[in-house]
């Protein structure tokens, strides 16, 4: 048995973290009723993507209302507490010692996600805005239905204006995780939004022999689909890409905070982000999507794209292309990632 039902949820952040977690649970329970085994939510789903925000900044200038907007954004982000580096078994040990005390588990989001995954039996991957110290990180969490959170990814290169409010994540978080769902062995890893345009970052995932490649995003351009097809075809992996999708009136309140002169003047019914979520097979074939102008508010059934995939197709595709093995010519080319061992384990 090598087949699983995978799904992507085209959805948008609600006004508060609590409301978004409730929406996530509703979506997961509906997915479970449809027999889904793996479910991906968009980039920055928990915590929110600050589309249209200026945070009161111009080159050489910061304004007080922008600092207030950042404060509200920071306070609405997810606190994961003390977490191990990268991914792996350390995450599964709930009694992992930290410093001289026990592990601080954060604001409860981690427990909520673990409960939802366990009760639905679904492997959940979700984009979060994570607060740690005084910084924010755009991250992705892997939540196993039996073992809990397996690890997190922190976006290593925020794009454009994202660099104003998001810190750079450690490349060690590019570590893939392995698990088993219904007897199917999975090696999964995420590349967040425009990280997928970084060839060496993608190769760091290919070289770990991933068969499930996750691409949470907010990119709603038509150019996203051919990129996802290329990623799947090169990696011989099943690719899931979930995009945020919502109208301007659905954006969190802190997005439009600021003086009247800076408030976005547009039709509240217009789509701020139009989606484009998709599922791609390991030979680059489009299995679902792209989906436009529909989210879990407007049509839960339509916005949840569900496909049964055969993960043996990943191996079948490696007959002629295997970037984790001989085709990569590791004798001629070397890729080094700081803090991450890409060498295959000894036989």
Protein backbone atom coordinates (compact mmCIF):
# COMPACT_ATOMS: atom_id res chain seq x y z
CA UNK A 1 0.00 0.00 0.00
CA UNK A 2 1.65 3.23 -1.16
CA UNK A 3 -1.36 5.49 -1.72
CA UNK A 4 -2.45 8.35 0.53
CA UNK A 5 -4.98 11.15 0.24
CA UNK A 6 -3.29 14.54 0.29
CA UNK A 7 -4.97 17.93 0.50
CA UNK A 8 -4.18 21.64 0.38
CA UNK A 9 -6.34 24.19 2.17
CA UNK A 10 -6.69 27.50 0.36
CA UNK A 11 -7.53 29.76 3.27
CA UNK A 12 -6.78 33.07 4.98
CA UNK A 13 -5.76 34.25 8.43
CA UNK A 14 -8.66 35.28 10.68
CA UNK A 15 -8.70 38.36 12.89
CA UNK A 16 -7.10 36.60 15.87
CA UNK A 17 -4.86 33.60 16.41
CA UNK A 18 -7.63 31.86 18.37
CA UNK A 19 -10.09 32.32 15.49
CA UNK A 20 -7.55 31.02 12.99
CA UNK A 21 -6.87 27.92 15.10
CA UNK A 22 -10.62 27.29 15.24
CA UNK A 23 -10.84 27.58 11.45
CA UNK A 24 -7.87 25.22 11.09
CA UNK A 25 -9.59 22.63 13.27
CA UNK A 26 -12.84 22.91 11.30
CA UNK A 27 -10.95 22.43 8.05
CA UNK A 28 -8.98 19.47 9.43
CA UNK A 29 -12.13 17.76 10.69
CA UNK A 30 -13.82 18.21 7.31
CA UNK A 31 -10.70 16.84 5.62
CA UNK A 32 -10.75 13.83 7.95
CA UNK A 33 -14.36 13.13 6.95
CA UNK A 34 -13.10 12.90 3.37
CA UNK A 35 -10.36 10.43 4.30
CA UNK A 36 -7.44 12.88 4.02
CA UNK A 37 -4.08 11.71 5.42
CA UNK A 38 -1.91 14.82 4.81
CA UNK A 39 -3.06 18.46 4.93
CA UNK A 40 -1.10 21.61 4.10
CA UNK A 41 -2.08 25.14 5.15
CA UNK A 42 -0.60 28.34 3.62
CA UNK A 43 2.42 30.39 4.56
CA UNK A 44 1.90 32.62 7.62
CA UNK A 45 -1.56 31.13 8.20
CA UNK A 46 -1.16 31.34 11.97
CA UNK A 47 -0.09 34.88 12.75
CA UNK A 48 -0.89 36.39 9.38
CA UNK A 49 0.84 37.76 6.31
CA UNK A 50 1.18 41.58 6.51
CA UNK A 51 0.03 42.25 2.94
CA UNK A 52 -0.15 46.01 2.19
CA UNK A 53 1.42 46.95 5.56
CA UNK A 54 4.03 49.72 5.63
CA UNK A 55 4.73 49.64 9.38
CA UNK A 56 5.18 53.40 9.05
CA UNK A 57 8.55 53.12 7.33
CA UNK A 58 10.40 54.86 4.57
CA UNK A 59 14.14 54.89 4.00
CA UNK A 60 15.65 56.69 6.99
CA UNK A 61 12.28 57.20 8.70
CA UNK A 62 10.10 55.29 11.19
CA UNK A 63 6.79 56.64 12.42
CA UNK A 64 5.16 55.94 15.77
CA UNK A 65 2.01 54.37 14.31
CA UNK A 66 4.19 51.84 12.49
CA UNK A 67 5.80 50.73 15.72
CA UNK A 68 2.31 50.28 17.18
CA UNK A 69 1.33 48.20 14.16
CA UNK A 70 4.41 46.03 14.62
CA UNK A 71 3.57 45.62 18.31
CA UNK A 72 0.10 44.31 17.42
CA UNK A 73 1.56 42.00 14.77
CA UNK A 74 4.18 40.68 17.20
CA UNK A 75 1.63 40.05 19.96
CA UNK A 76 -0.57 38.13 17.52
CA UNK A 77 2.23 35.79 16.48
CA UNK A 78 2.78 32.24 17.76
CA UNK A 79 4.98 31.53 20.77
CA UNK A 80 6.35 27.99 20.36
CA UNK A 81 8.42 28.19 23.51
CA UNK A 82 11.77 26.44 23.82
CA UNK A 83 12.23 24.31 20.73
CA UNK A 84 15.07 22.07 19.56
CA UNK A 85 17.03 23.04 16.48
CA UNK A 86 15.78 21.87 13.10
CA UNK A 87 13.76 18.68 13.26
CA UNK A 88 13.95 15.15 14.57
CA UNK A 89 13.53 12.96 17.63
CA UNK A 90 14.32 15.72 20.14
CA UNK A 91 11.01 17.34 19.25
CA UNK A 92 9.06 14.22 20.11
CA UNK A 93 10.44 14.03 23.66
CA UNK A 94 7.92 16.17 25.53
CA UNK A 95 10.15 16.21 28.63
CA UNK A 96 13.23 17.49 26.86
CA UNK A 97 15.35 19.40 29.40
CA UNK A 98 16.13 22.98 28.50
CA UNK A 99 18.89 24.80 30.39
CA UNK A 100 18.32 24.02 34.07
CA UNK A 101 14.57 23.54 33.86
CA UNK A 102 11.96 21.79 31.78
CA UNK A 103 10.98 22.75 28.29
CA UNK A 104 8.77 25.85 28.05
CA UNK A 105 5.96 24.94 25.65
CA UNK A 106 4.86 28.42 24.62
CA UNK A 107 1.36 29.82 24.31
CA UNK A 108 -0.50 26.54 23.81
CA UNK A 109 -0.61 26.63 20.00
CA UNK A 110 1.68 23.62 19.81
CA UNK A 111 -0.61 21.56 22.04
CA UNK A 112 -3.68 22.61 20.05
CA UNK A 113 -2.11 21.54 16.77
CA UNK A 114 -0.98 18.23 18.25
CA UNK A 115 -4.49 17.57 19.58
CA UNK A 116 -6.14 18.35 16.22
CA UNK A 117 -3.67 16.15 14.33
CA UNK A 118 -4.16 13.30 16.80
CA UNK A 119 -7.95 13.48 16.83
CA UNK A 120 -8.25 13.69 13.05
CA UNK A 121 -5.41 11.27 12.25
CA UNK A 122 -3.98 13.79 9.77
CA UNK A 123 -0.37 14.84 9.25
CA UNK A 124 -0.71 18.65 9.35
CA UNK A 125 1.82 21.11 7.97
CA UNK A 126 1.05 24.76 8.67
CA UNK A 127 2.70 28.10 8.13
CA UNK A 128 3.18 30.20 11.27
CA UNK A 129 4.58 33.58 12.20
CA UNK A 130 6.74 32.67 15.16
CA UNK A 131 7.93 35.09 17.81
CA UNK A 132 11.16 34.32 19.61
CA UNK A 133 13.15 36.82 21.64
CA UNK A 134 12.42 40.15 20.01
CA UNK A 135 12.20 38.81 16.46
CA UNK A 136 9.58 37.29 14.19
CA UNK A 137 10.22 34.33 11.91
CA UNK A 138 8.17 32.97 9.04
CA UNK A 139 8.08 29.27 9.83
CA UNK A 140 6.38 26.00 8.99
CA UNK A 141 5.48 23.29 11.52
CA UNK A 142 5.29 19.54 10.84
CA UNK A 143 2.65 17.94 13.10
CA UNK A 144 2.42 14.15 13.13
CA UNK A 145 -0.89 12.59 14.28
CA UNK A 146 0.86 10.12 16.60
CA UNK A 147 4.16 11.72 17.55
CA UNK A 148 3.21 15.41 17.69
CA UNK A 149 5.37 18.21 16.31
CA UNK A 150 8.34 16.72 14.47
CA UNK A 151 10.13 19.95 13.70
CA UNK A 152 9.92 23.39 12.19
CA UNK A 153 11.33 25.30 9.25
CA UNK A 154 12.30 28.94 9.51
CA UNK A 155 12.39 30.86 6.24
CA UNK A 156 16.05 31.54 5.54
CA UNK A 157 15.51 34.47 3.17
CA UNK A 158 12.51 36.76 3.66
CA UNK A 159 11.50 38.34 0.36
CA UNK A 160 11.45 42.07 -0.36
CA UNK A 161 9.71 44.08 2.34
CA UNK A 162 9.32 40.96 4.48
CA UNK A 163 12.90 41.61 5.61
CA UNK A 164 11.67 44.62 7.58
CA UNK A 165 9.71 42.49 10.07
CA UNK A 166 10.97 38.91 9.67
CA UNK A 167 14.40 37.69 10.75
CA UNK A 168 16.45 35.23 8.70
CA UNK A 169 16.10 31.63 9.83
CA UNK A 170 18.95 29.20 10.32
CA UNK A 171 19.68 26.96 7.30
CA UNK A 172 19.92 24.04 9.74
CA UNK A 173 16.10 24.04 9.77
CA UNK A 174 16.18 22.75 6.18
CA UNK A 175 16.49 19.27 7.67
CA UNK A 176 13.86 16.89 6.28
CA UNK A 177 11.79 14.75 8.63
CA UNK A 178 10.72 11.15 8.22
CA UNK A 179 7.53 9.52 9.39
CA UNK A 180 5.07 6.80 8.48
CA UNK A 181 1.41 7.38 7.63
CA UNK A 182 -0.80 4.32 7.08
CA UNK A 183 2.26 2.22 6.31
CA UNK A 184 3.65 4.68 3.75
CA UNK A 185 7.18 5.92 4.45
CA UNK A 186 7.46 9.67 4.00
CA UNK A 187 10.44 11.99 3.89
CA UNK A 188 9.09 15.52 3.87
CA UNK A 189 10.43 19.03 3.88
CA UNK A 190 9.13 22.52 3.18
CA UNK A 191 10.39 25.42 1.12
CA UNK A 192 8.45 28.56 2.00
CA UNK A 193 7.17 30.79 -0.81
CA UNK A 194 10.06 32.37 -2.76
CA UNK A 195 12.61 30.05 -1.18
CA UNK A 196 11.45 27.86 -4.07
CA UNK A 197 13.28 30.21 -6.44
CA UNK A 198 16.60 29.44 -4.69
CA UNK A 199 18.27 26.58 -6.64
CA UNK A 200 20.72 25.55 -3.91
CA UNK A 201 18.00 25.56 -1.26
CA UNK A 202 15.87 23.29 -3.42
CA UNK A 203 18.84 20.99 -3.99
CA UNK A 204 19.39 20.76 -0.24
CA UNK A 205 15.89 19.27 -0.02
CA UNK A 206 16.23 17.04 -3.10
CA UNK A 207 19.48 15.64 -1.74
CA UNK A 208 17.67 14.45 1.40
CA UNK A 209 15.54 12.18 -0.77
CA UNK A 210 12.23 13.87 -0.05
CA UNK A 211 9.15 12.28 -1.57
CA UNK A 212 6.76 14.90 -0.13
CA UNK A 213 7.77 18.49 -0.93
CA UNK A 214 5.69 21.21 0.73
CA UNK A 215 5.44 24.77 -0.59
CA UNK A 216 3.24 26.99 1.58
CA UNK A 217 2.99 30.41 -0.03
CA UNK A 218 1.17 33.71 -0.50
CA UNK A 219 2.26 34.01 -4.15
CA UNK A 220 -0.85 34.29 -6.32
CA UNK A 221 0.90 34.92 -9.64
CA UNK A 222 0.29 32.71 -12.66
CA UNK A 223 4.03 31.99 -12.72
CA UNK A 224 3.74 29.95 -9.52
CA UNK A 225 2.23 26.86 -11.17
CA UNK A 226 5.09 26.27 -13.65
CA UNK A 227 7.56 26.66 -10.78
CA UNK A 228 5.76 23.98 -8.78
CA UNK A 229 5.70 21.67 -11.81
CA UNK A 230 9.45 22.18 -12.23
CA UNK A 231 10.09 21.44 -8.54
CA UNK A 232 8.09 18.20 -8.71
CA UNK A 233 9.65 17.08 -11.98
CA UNK A 234 13.21 17.70 -10.78
CA UNK A 235 12.74 16.22 -7.33
CA UNK A 236 10.51 13.31 -8.40
CA UNK A 237 8.36 14.26 -5.41
CA UNK A 238 4.72 14.92 -4.71
CA UNK A 239 4.40 18.71 -4.31
CA UNK A 240 1.68 20.39 -2.26
CA UNK A 241 1.33 24.17 -2.46
CA UNK A 242 -1.27 26.00 -0.37
CA UNK A 243 -1.71 29.73 -0.86
CA UNK A 244 -3.41 32.36 1.24
CA UNK A 245 -6.58 33.63 -0.40
CA UNK A 246 -8.84 36.35 0.94
CA UNK A 247 -10.65 39.61 0.27
CA UNK A 248 -9.50 42.97 1.61
CA UNK A 249 -12.38 42.98 4.09
CA UNK A 250 -11.09 39.66 5.45
CA UNK A 251 -7.63 40.98 6.32
CA UNK A 252 -6.87 41.20 10.07
CA UNK A 253 -7.53 44.61 11.62
CA UNK A 254 -3.86 45.35 12.25
CA UNK A 255 -3.21 45.23 8.49
CA UNK A 256 -5.18 48.41 7.85
CA UNK A 257 -4.21 50.22 11.03
CA UNK A 258 -2.53 53.60 10.54
CA UNK A 259 -3.37 57.17 9.60
CA UNK A 260 -6.13 57.78 7.07
CA UNK A 261 -3.54 58.84 4.48
CA UNK A 262 -1.99 55.35 4.52
CA UNK A 263 -5.14 53.24 4.64
CA UNK A 264 -5.64 51.17 1.54
CA UNK A 265 -8.36 52.62 -0.66
CA UNK A 266 -9.88 49.72 -2.50
CA UNK A 267 -13.09 47.75 -2.81
CA UNK A 268 -13.41 45.65 0.38
CA UNK A 269 -15.00 42.92 -1.74
CA UNK A 270 -11.95 42.73 -4.01
CA UNK A 271 -9.51 39.85 -3.56
CA UNK A 272 -6.34 40.92 -1.77
CA UNK A 273 -4.85 37.52 -2.59
CA UNK A 274 -6.45 35.29 -5.20
CA UNK A 275 -4.86 31.93 -4.32
CA UNK A 276 -3.45 29.53 -6.89
CA UNK A 277 -3.08 26.45 -4.65
CA UNK A 278 -2.21 23.20 -6.39
CA UNK A 279 -1.11 19.58 -6.11
CA UNK A 280 1.57 18.28 -8.48
CA UNK A 281 2.62 14.70 -9.18
CA UNK A 282 6.26 13.52 -9.27
CA UNK A 283 6.46 13.69 -13.06
CA UNK A 284 5.27 17.30 -13.06
CA UNK A 285 1.64 16.51 -13.81
CA UNK A 286 -1.01 18.85 -12.36
CA UNK A 287 -3.26 16.75 -10.13
CA UNK A 288 -5.34 19.62 -8.71
CA UNK A 289 -5.61 23.37 -9.24
CA UNK A 290 -4.61 26.01 -9.57
CA UNK A 291 -7.62 27.32 -7.67
CA UNK A 292 -8.52 31.00 -7.84
CA UNK A 293 -10.79 33.29 -5.79
CA UNK A 294 -12.13 30.67 -3.40
CA UNK A 295 -11.30 30.04 0.23
CA UNK A 296 -12.61 28.18 3.25
CA UNK A 297 -15.05 31.01 4.00
CA UNK A 298 -16.65 31.07 0.57
CA UNK A 299 -16.60 27.33 -0.18
CA UNK A 300 -14.95 24.89 2.24
CA UNK A 301 -15.42 21.89 -0.03
CA UNK A 302 -14.02 23.60 -3.12
CA UNK A 303 -11.14 25.28 -1.31
CA UNK A 304 -9.97 21.94 0.08
CA UNK A 305 -8.32 20.24 -2.91
CA UNK A 306 -8.06 16.50 -2.26
CA UNK A 307 -6.12 14.01 -4.37
CA UNK A 308 -5.14 10.38 -3.84
CA UNK A 309 -1.50 9.93 -4.82
CA UNK A 310 0.70 6.87 -5.17
CA UNK A 311 4.04 7.60 -3.51
CA UNK A 312 5.60 4.69 -5.40
CA UNK A 313 5.39 7.02 -8.41
CA UNK A 314 8.27 8.94 -6.83
CA UNK A 315 10.44 5.84 -7.11
CA UNK A 316 9.15 5.01 -10.57
CA UNK A 317 10.23 8.49 -11.69
CA UNK A 318 13.74 7.94 -10.40
CA UNK A 319 14.39 5.42 -13.13
CA UNK A 320 15.82 8.27 -15.17
CA UNK A 321 16.29 11.20 -12.76
CA UNK A 322 17.42 11.02 -9.13
CA UNK A 323 18.84 14.23 -7.69
CA UNK A 324 19.35 12.51 -4.34
CA UNK A 325 21.56 9.85 -5.92
CA UNK A 326 23.77 9.21 -8.90
CA UNK A 327 22.24 11.86 -11.17
CA UNK A 328 23.47 14.63 -8.85
CA UNK A 329 27.12 13.62 -9.50
CA UNK A 330 28.22 14.11 -5.91
CA UNK A 331 31.71 13.09 -6.99
CA UNK A 332 31.89 16.24 -9.10
CA UNK A 333 29.68 18.76 -7.28
CA UNK A 334 29.44 19.49 -3.57
CA UNK A 335 26.74 21.36 -1.70
CA UNK A 336 27.40 22.51 1.85
CA UNK A 337 24.66 23.84 4.15
CA UNK A 338 25.76 25.39 7.43
CA UNK A 339 24.51 23.32 10.36
CA UNK A 340 23.04 20.55 8.21
CA UNK A 341 24.68 17.24 7.28
CA UNK A 342 23.65 16.31 3.75
CA UNK A 343 25.85 13.21 3.59
CA UNK A 344 23.83 9.99 3.21
CA UNK A 345 24.02 7.62 6.18
CA UNK A 346 26.54 4.76 5.84
CA UNK A 347 25.27 1.48 4.43
